[in-house]
N, C-alpha and C. Protein backbone atom coordinates (compact mmCIF):
# COMPACT_ATOMS: atom_id res chain seq x y z
N MET A 1 230.88 42.68 162.65
CA MET A 1 230.74 43.99 163.26
C MET A 1 230.87 43.86 164.77
N SER A 2 231.65 44.72 165.37
CA SER A 2 231.89 44.70 166.80
C SER A 2 230.78 45.46 167.53
N TRP A 3 230.72 45.28 168.83
CA TRP A 3 229.72 45.98 169.63
C TRP A 3 230.12 47.42 169.91
N ARG A 4 231.36 47.77 169.53
CA ARG A 4 231.81 49.15 169.71
C ARG A 4 232.57 49.60 168.47
N GLN A 5 232.46 50.89 168.19
CA GLN A 5 233.14 51.46 167.03
C GLN A 5 233.61 52.85 167.40
N THR A 6 234.88 53.12 167.17
CA THR A 6 235.43 54.44 167.43
C THR A 6 235.19 55.32 166.21
N THR A 7 234.64 56.50 166.44
CA THR A 7 234.39 57.47 165.37
C THR A 7 235.07 58.78 165.71
N ALA A 8 235.00 59.74 164.81
CA ALA A 8 235.57 61.06 165.07
C ALA A 8 234.85 61.76 166.22
N ASP A 9 233.57 61.43 166.43
CA ASP A 9 232.78 62.07 167.49
C ASP A 9 232.90 61.40 168.85
N GLY A 10 233.35 60.17 168.88
CA GLY A 10 233.45 59.41 170.13
C GLY A 10 233.35 57.94 169.84
N VAL A 11 232.71 57.21 170.74
CA VAL A 11 232.55 55.77 170.60
C VAL A 11 231.07 55.46 170.45
N VAL A 12 230.75 54.64 169.45
CA VAL A 12 229.38 54.19 169.25
C VAL A 12 229.28 52.76 169.79
N LEU A 13 228.33 52.54 170.68
CA LEU A 13 228.12 51.23 171.26
C LEU A 13 226.80 50.65 170.78
N ASN A 14 226.81 49.37 170.42
CA ASN A 14 225.59 48.62 170.16
C ASN A 14 225.23 47.94 171.47
N ILE A 15 224.04 48.23 171.98
CA ILE A 15 223.64 47.71 173.29
C ILE A 15 222.31 46.99 173.15
N ARG A 16 222.24 45.81 173.73
CA ARG A 16 220.98 45.08 173.82
C ARG A 16 220.51 45.19 175.26
N VAL A 17 219.36 45.81 175.45
CA VAL A 17 218.82 46.09 176.78
C VAL A 17 217.85 45.01 177.20
N VAL A 18 217.95 44.59 178.44
CA VAL A 18 216.99 43.67 179.04
C VAL A 18 216.31 44.45 180.18
N PRO A 19 215.10 44.97 179.92
CA PRO A 19 214.42 45.74 180.97
C PRO A 19 213.80 44.83 182.03
N ARG A 20 213.40 45.45 183.11
CA ARG A 20 212.76 44.75 184.25
C ARG A 20 213.63 43.62 184.81
N ALA A 21 214.92 43.82 184.82
CA ALA A 21 215.84 42.84 185.40
C ALA A 21 215.87 43.01 186.91
N SER A 22 216.32 42.00 187.60
CA SER A 22 216.39 42.09 189.06
C SER A 22 217.51 43.03 189.51
N LYS A 23 218.52 43.23 188.66
CA LYS A 23 219.66 44.06 189.02
C LYS A 23 220.18 44.74 187.75
N THR A 24 220.58 45.99 187.85
CA THR A 24 221.15 46.71 186.71
C THR A 24 222.63 46.40 186.61
N GLY A 25 223.09 46.09 185.38
CA GLY A 25 224.51 45.83 185.17
C GLY A 25 224.78 45.25 183.80
N VAL A 26 226.06 45.18 183.48
CA VAL A 26 226.50 44.60 182.21
C VAL A 26 226.53 43.09 182.35
N GLN A 27 225.89 42.41 181.41
CA GLN A 27 225.87 40.95 181.46
C GLN A 27 226.96 40.34 180.60
N GLY A 28 227.31 40.99 179.50
CA GLY A 28 228.36 40.47 178.62
C GLY A 28 228.06 40.83 177.18
N VAL A 29 228.83 40.24 176.28
CA VAL A 29 228.63 40.48 174.86
C VAL A 29 227.74 39.39 174.30
N LEU A 30 226.74 39.83 173.53
CA LEU A 30 225.81 38.91 172.88
C LEU A 30 225.84 39.24 171.40
N GLY A 31 226.52 38.42 170.60
CA GLY A 31 226.66 38.69 169.18
C GLY A 31 227.43 39.98 168.96
N ASN A 32 226.81 40.95 168.32
CA ASN A 32 227.48 42.22 168.08
C ASN A 32 226.94 43.34 168.97
N ALA A 33 226.49 42.98 170.16
CA ALA A 33 225.96 43.97 171.10
C ALA A 33 226.41 43.67 172.52
N LEU A 34 226.56 44.73 173.30
CA LEU A 34 226.84 44.59 174.72
C LEU A 34 225.49 44.46 175.42
N LYS A 35 225.31 43.42 176.19
CA LYS A 35 224.03 43.17 176.86
C LYS A 35 224.05 43.82 178.24
N ILE A 36 223.08 44.71 178.44
CA ILE A 36 222.96 45.41 179.73
C ILE A 36 221.57 45.17 180.29
N ARG A 37 221.53 44.73 181.52
CA ARG A 37 220.26 44.48 182.21
C ARG A 37 219.91 45.74 183.01
N LEU A 38 218.64 46.15 182.93
CA LEU A 38 218.16 47.33 183.63
C LEU A 38 216.96 46.99 184.49
N GLN A 39 216.91 47.53 185.68
CA GLN A 39 215.75 47.32 186.55
C GLN A 39 214.53 48.08 186.04
N ALA A 40 214.74 49.12 185.28
CA ALA A 40 213.64 49.98 184.82
C ALA A 40 212.73 49.26 183.83
N PRO A 41 211.45 49.60 183.83
CA PRO A 41 210.52 49.02 182.86
C PRO A 41 210.64 49.74 181.52
N PRO A 42 210.25 49.08 180.43
CA PRO A 42 210.35 49.70 179.11
C PRO A 42 209.14 50.55 178.74
N VAL A 43 208.74 51.43 179.62
CA VAL A 43 207.57 52.28 179.36
C VAL A 43 207.95 53.75 179.58
N ASP A 44 207.37 54.62 178.77
CA ASP A 44 207.54 56.07 178.90
C ASP A 44 209.01 56.50 178.93
N GLY A 45 209.88 55.78 178.25
CA GLY A 45 211.29 56.15 178.17
C GLY A 45 212.09 55.89 179.43
N LYS A 46 211.51 55.17 180.39
CA LYS A 46 212.21 54.92 181.65
C LYS A 46 213.45 54.05 181.47
N ALA A 47 213.38 53.06 180.60
CA ALA A 47 214.55 52.20 180.37
C ALA A 47 215.65 52.99 179.67
N ASN A 48 215.30 53.85 178.72
CA ASN A 48 216.30 54.67 178.04
C ASN A 48 216.99 55.60 179.04
N ALA A 49 216.21 56.23 179.89
CA ALA A 49 216.77 57.13 180.90
C ALA A 49 217.67 56.37 181.87
N ALA A 50 217.25 55.18 182.26
CA ALA A 50 218.05 54.36 183.17
C ALA A 50 219.35 53.93 182.51
N LEU A 51 219.30 53.63 181.21
CA LEU A 51 220.50 53.24 180.48
C LEU A 51 221.49 54.40 180.43
N VAL A 52 221.01 55.59 180.10
CA VAL A 52 221.89 56.76 180.03
C VAL A 52 222.50 57.05 181.40
N LYS A 53 221.70 56.98 182.45
CA LYS A 53 222.21 57.20 183.81
C LYS A 53 223.25 56.15 184.19
N PHE A 54 222.97 54.88 183.89
CA PHE A 54 223.91 53.81 184.21
C PHE A 54 225.23 54.02 183.48
N LEU A 55 225.18 54.34 182.20
CA LEU A 55 226.41 54.55 181.43
C LEU A 55 227.18 55.75 181.96
N ALA A 56 226.49 56.85 182.23
CA ALA A 56 227.16 58.05 182.75
C ALA A 56 227.81 57.78 184.10
N ASP A 57 227.09 57.13 185.00
CA ASP A 57 227.63 56.83 186.33
C ASP A 57 228.82 55.88 186.23
N THR A 58 228.70 54.85 185.41
CA THR A 58 229.76 53.85 185.28
C THR A 58 231.01 54.43 184.66
N LEU A 59 230.83 55.28 183.65
CA LEU A 59 231.97 55.85 182.93
C LEU A 59 232.49 57.13 183.56
N GLY A 60 231.75 57.68 184.51
CA GLY A 60 232.18 58.92 185.17
C GLY A 60 232.12 60.13 184.24
N ILE A 61 231.09 60.17 183.39
CA ILE A 61 230.93 61.29 182.47
C ILE A 61 229.54 61.90 182.66
N ALA A 62 229.34 63.07 182.08
CA ALA A 62 228.04 63.73 182.15
C ALA A 62 227.05 63.04 181.21
N LYS A 63 225.79 63.01 181.62
CA LYS A 63 224.74 62.42 180.77
C LYS A 63 224.64 63.14 179.43
N SER A 64 225.01 64.40 179.40
CA SER A 64 224.94 65.17 178.16
C SER A 64 225.93 64.68 177.10
N ASN A 65 226.91 63.88 177.50
CA ASN A 65 227.86 63.29 176.55
C ASN A 65 227.34 62.01 175.91
N ILE A 66 226.14 61.61 176.25
CA ILE A 66 225.57 60.36 175.75
C ILE A 66 224.35 60.68 174.90
N THR A 67 224.34 60.14 173.68
CA THR A 67 223.24 60.38 172.74
C THR A 67 222.72 59.05 172.23
N LEU A 68 221.42 58.87 172.30
CA LEU A 68 220.77 57.70 171.74
C LEU A 68 220.61 57.94 170.24
N LEU A 69 221.34 57.17 169.42
CA LEU A 69 221.29 57.35 167.97
C LEU A 69 220.12 56.61 167.34
N SER A 70 219.84 55.41 167.84
CA SER A 70 218.72 54.64 167.30
C SER A 70 218.28 53.61 168.33
N GLY A 71 217.06 53.11 168.13
CA GLY A 71 216.53 52.09 169.03
C GLY A 71 215.74 52.62 170.19
N GLU A 72 215.17 53.79 170.03
CA GLU A 72 214.43 54.41 171.15
C GLU A 72 213.34 53.51 171.71
N THR A 73 212.64 52.79 170.85
CA THR A 73 211.55 51.93 171.32
C THR A 73 211.90 50.44 171.26
N GLY A 74 213.09 50.11 170.83
CA GLY A 74 213.48 48.71 170.73
C GLY A 74 214.48 48.31 171.80
N ARG A 75 214.80 47.03 171.82
CA ARG A 75 215.77 46.54 172.80
C ARG A 75 217.21 46.74 172.35
N VAL A 76 217.43 46.81 171.03
CA VAL A 76 218.78 47.03 170.50
C VAL A 76 218.94 48.52 170.24
N LYS A 77 219.97 49.10 170.84
CA LYS A 77 220.17 50.55 170.76
C LYS A 77 221.59 50.86 170.29
N ARG A 78 221.72 51.97 169.59
CA ARG A 78 223.03 52.50 169.23
C ARG A 78 223.21 53.78 170.02
N ILE A 79 224.30 53.83 170.77
CA ILE A 79 224.57 54.94 171.68
C ILE A 79 225.89 55.58 171.29
N LEU A 80 225.90 56.90 171.13
CA LEU A 80 227.14 57.65 170.92
C LEU A 80 227.58 58.22 172.25
N ILE A 81 228.83 57.96 172.59
CA ILE A 81 229.38 58.52 173.82
C ILE A 81 230.56 59.40 173.43
N ARG A 82 230.39 60.69 173.61
CA ARG A 82 231.46 61.64 173.31
C ARG A 82 232.46 61.65 174.46
N SER A 83 233.67 61.98 174.13
CA SER A 83 234.75 62.10 175.13
C SER A 83 235.04 60.77 175.81
N LEU A 84 234.88 59.68 175.10
CA LEU A 84 235.18 58.37 175.68
C LEU A 84 236.32 57.74 174.90
N GLU A 85 237.29 57.23 175.63
CA GLU A 85 238.41 56.55 175.00
C GLU A 85 238.34 55.07 175.35
N GLU A 86 239.27 54.30 174.82
CA GLU A 86 239.26 52.85 175.01
C GLU A 86 239.31 52.47 176.49
N ASP A 87 239.98 53.26 177.32
CA ASP A 87 240.02 52.97 178.75
C ASP A 87 238.62 53.03 179.36
N GLY A 88 237.81 53.96 178.91
CA GLY A 88 236.44 54.06 179.39
C GLY A 88 235.62 52.85 179.00
N VAL A 89 235.83 52.34 177.80
CA VAL A 89 235.13 51.14 177.36
C VAL A 89 235.51 49.96 178.25
N ARG A 90 236.76 49.86 178.62
CA ARG A 90 237.20 48.78 179.51
C ARG A 90 236.52 48.90 180.88
N ARG A 91 236.35 50.14 181.37
CA ARG A 91 235.66 50.35 182.65
C ARG A 91 234.22 49.83 182.57
N LEU A 92 233.58 50.10 181.45
CA LEU A 92 232.20 49.64 181.26
C LEU A 92 232.16 48.12 181.22
N TRP A 93 233.05 47.52 180.50
CA TRP A 93 233.07 46.07 180.34
C TRP A 93 233.35 45.37 181.68
N SER A 94 234.12 46.01 182.57
CA SER A 94 234.50 45.37 183.83
C SER A 94 233.38 45.40 184.87
N GLN A 95 232.25 46.05 184.56
CA GLN A 95 231.14 46.12 185.51
C GLN A 95 230.44 44.79 185.64
């Protein structure tokens, strides 16, 4: 299974989050997930909010196009990004 899957609704990404990192950014692929480091702590949804903001800013899309499908309280998350094509995934990977 890949870390990304194209669906009729958009692209679903498997993301492994590392909270409380010194710097926010994409670290690389780890197994079947894209590893993203976040400066935000994993409390009160702050890491989830930081992840959505990071993805929206990096991809140049509205936060409303990003939906957390699963993993709200875990480190492994499934994210649906509407209106994203393969070029957008490459932009994310190049960060």
